[in-house]
Protein backbone atom coordinates (compact mmCIF):
# COMPACT_ATOMS: atom_id res chain seq x y z
CA MET A 1 103.58 61.08 63.85
CA ALA A 2 101.81 58.82 61.37
CA GLY A 3 99.07 61.37 60.69
CA GLU A 4 100.59 62.59 57.45
CA LEU A 5 100.43 59.05 56.07
CA GLN A 6 96.66 58.87 56.68
CA GLY A 7 94.83 57.90 53.50
CA LEU A 8 97.94 57.20 51.44
CA ARG A 9 97.97 54.06 49.30
CA VAL A 10 101.13 52.01 49.87
CA LEU A 11 102.26 49.20 47.58
CA VAL A 12 103.81 46.42 49.66
CA VAL A 13 106.06 43.89 47.92
CA GLU A 14 107.12 41.22 50.40
CA ASP A 15 107.36 37.45 49.93
CA GLU A 16 107.62 36.37 53.58
CA PHE A 17 104.02 35.80 54.64
CA LEU A 18 104.34 36.74 58.31
CA VAL A 19 106.44 39.81 57.57
CA ALA A 20 103.90 40.89 54.94
CA LEU A 21 101.04 40.53 57.45
CA ASP A 22 103.00 42.51 60.02
CA ILE A 23 103.70 45.32 57.54
CA GLU A 24 100.06 45.36 56.46
CA LEU A 25 98.96 45.71 60.08
CA MET A 26 101.50 48.49 60.76
CA LEU A 27 100.37 50.46 57.72
CA SER A 28 96.67 49.94 58.40
CA GLN A 29 97.13 51.25 61.94
CA CYS A 30 98.68 54.40 60.43
CA GLY A 31 95.61 54.90 58.27
CA CYS A 32 97.24 53.78 55.05
CA ALA A 33 95.47 51.72 52.40
CA VAL A 34 97.65 48.74 51.54
CA VAL A 35 98.02 47.61 47.94
CA GLY A 36 99.04 43.98 48.27
CA PRO A 37 101.02 42.62 49.89
CA ILE A 38 102.43 41.09 46.73
CA GLY A 39 104.83 38.17 47.03
CA ASP A 40 105.91 37.49 43.45
CA LEU A 41 107.92 39.60 41.02
CA ALA A 42 105.65 39.25 37.98
CA THR A 43 102.60 40.56 39.84
CA ALA A 44 104.66 43.23 41.58
CA LEU A 45 106.07 44.48 38.27
CA ARG A 46 102.64 44.56 36.62
CA THR A 47 101.20 46.44 39.61
CA ALA A 48 104.11 48.91 39.64
CA GLN A 49 103.57 49.64 35.96
CA GLU A 50 99.82 50.13 36.43
CA GLY A 51 100.15 52.50 39.39
CA GLY A 52 97.33 53.48 41.72
CA PHE A 53 99.37 54.08 44.88
CA ASP A 54 101.33 56.90 46.51
CA LEU A 55 104.32 55.11 48.04
CA ALA A 56 105.94 51.69 47.91
CA LEU A 57 107.65 49.43 50.42
CA LEU A 58 109.81 46.83 48.67
CA ASP A 59 111.65 43.82 49.99
CA VAL A 60 115.02 43.82 48.21
CA ASN A 61 114.80 40.08 47.46
CA ILE A 62 111.57 38.42 46.27
CA GLY A 63 111.67 34.67 45.79
CA GLY A 64 115.45 34.75 45.51
CA GLN A 65 115.39 37.46 42.83
CA PRO A 66 116.27 41.15 43.16
CA VAL A 67 113.34 43.58 43.12
CA THR A 68 115.25 45.89 40.76
CA ALA A 69 112.78 45.75 37.84
CA VAL A 70 109.93 46.75 40.14
CA ALA A 71 111.99 49.59 41.59
CA GLU A 72 112.87 50.78 38.07
CA ALA A 73 109.18 50.84 37.12
CA LEU A 74 108.38 52.86 40.24
CA LEU A 75 111.26 55.22 39.58
CA ALA A 76 109.95 55.82 36.04
CA ARG A 77 106.54 56.72 37.50
CA GLY A 78 108.05 58.97 40.19
CA VAL A 79 106.72 56.85 43.05
CA PRO A 80 108.62 57.28 46.33
CA MET A 81 109.89 53.97 47.67
CA VAL A 82 111.40 52.41 50.75
CA PHE A 83 113.43 49.22 50.63
CA CYS A 84 113.51 46.62 53.37
CA THR A 85 115.99 43.81 53.70
CA GLY A 86 117.43 41.21 55.99
CA TYR A 87 120.69 41.56 54.08
CA GLN A 88 123.26 44.30 53.81
CA VAL A 89 122.08 47.62 52.43
CA GLU A 90 125.14 47.63 50.16
CA ASN A 91 123.40 44.99 48.01
CA LEU A 92 121.20 47.69 46.46
CA PRO A 93 122.24 49.07 43.06
CA ASP A 94 123.88 52.49 43.38
CA ARG A 95 120.96 54.32 41.74
CA PHE A 96 118.77 53.30 44.68
CA GLY A 97 121.36 53.90 47.38
CA GLY A 98 119.84 57.17 48.55
CA ARG A 99 116.41 55.68 49.19
CA PRO A 100 115.31 54.99 52.77
CA THR A 101 116.08 51.38 53.69
CA LEU A 102 114.85 49.35 56.65
CA ARG A 103 116.80 46.45 58.11
CA LYS A 104 114.65 43.50 59.21
CA PRO A 105 113.36 43.14 61.83
CA PHE A 106 111.86 46.62 62.15
CA GLN A 107 109.16 48.32 64.19
CA ALA A 108 106.14 50.36 63.09
CA VAL A 109 107.89 53.59 64.07
CA ASP A 110 110.72 52.69 61.65
CA VAL A 111 108.28 52.07 58.80
CA VAL A 112 106.49 55.36 59.43
CA ALA A 113 109.75 57.31 59.56
CA ALA A 114 111.06 55.72 56.36
CA LEU A 115 107.83 56.32 54.43
CA ARG A 116 107.71 59.91 55.65
CA ALA A 117 111.32 60.42 54.54
CA ALA A 118 110.59 58.92 51.11
CA ALA A 119 107.51 61.10 50.67
CA ARG A 120 109.39 64.25 51.72
CA ALA A 121 112.34 63.47 49.42
CA SER A 122 109.99 63.11 46.44
CA THR A 123 108.38 66.49 47.00
CA GLY A 124 111.63 68.33 47.22
């Protein structure tokens, strides 16, 4: 199931250390190369603007601030993204409402399915 993610570079923006480590492990086991994890908005925004990855997994709230600017930068570059949150999905701005979203806590199978859905949606 994760085979089509093999070799993809995934930007991970997550400020909870243990969650970030867990995501990194999940993605590595799927054969993905992890960019990050990044736990602060300034670095995440700079990285999003620079590129160098195929997909992104974004926590909706980084250090108490919405990840919207990072998501906007990714949208401008055409990078497929998945949001993850411990909050309600309705907290996302409408323009991101159609993106795959994971509710914490999640399992590796959920991450794989969401990334696959985001990748498929971006290719039509």
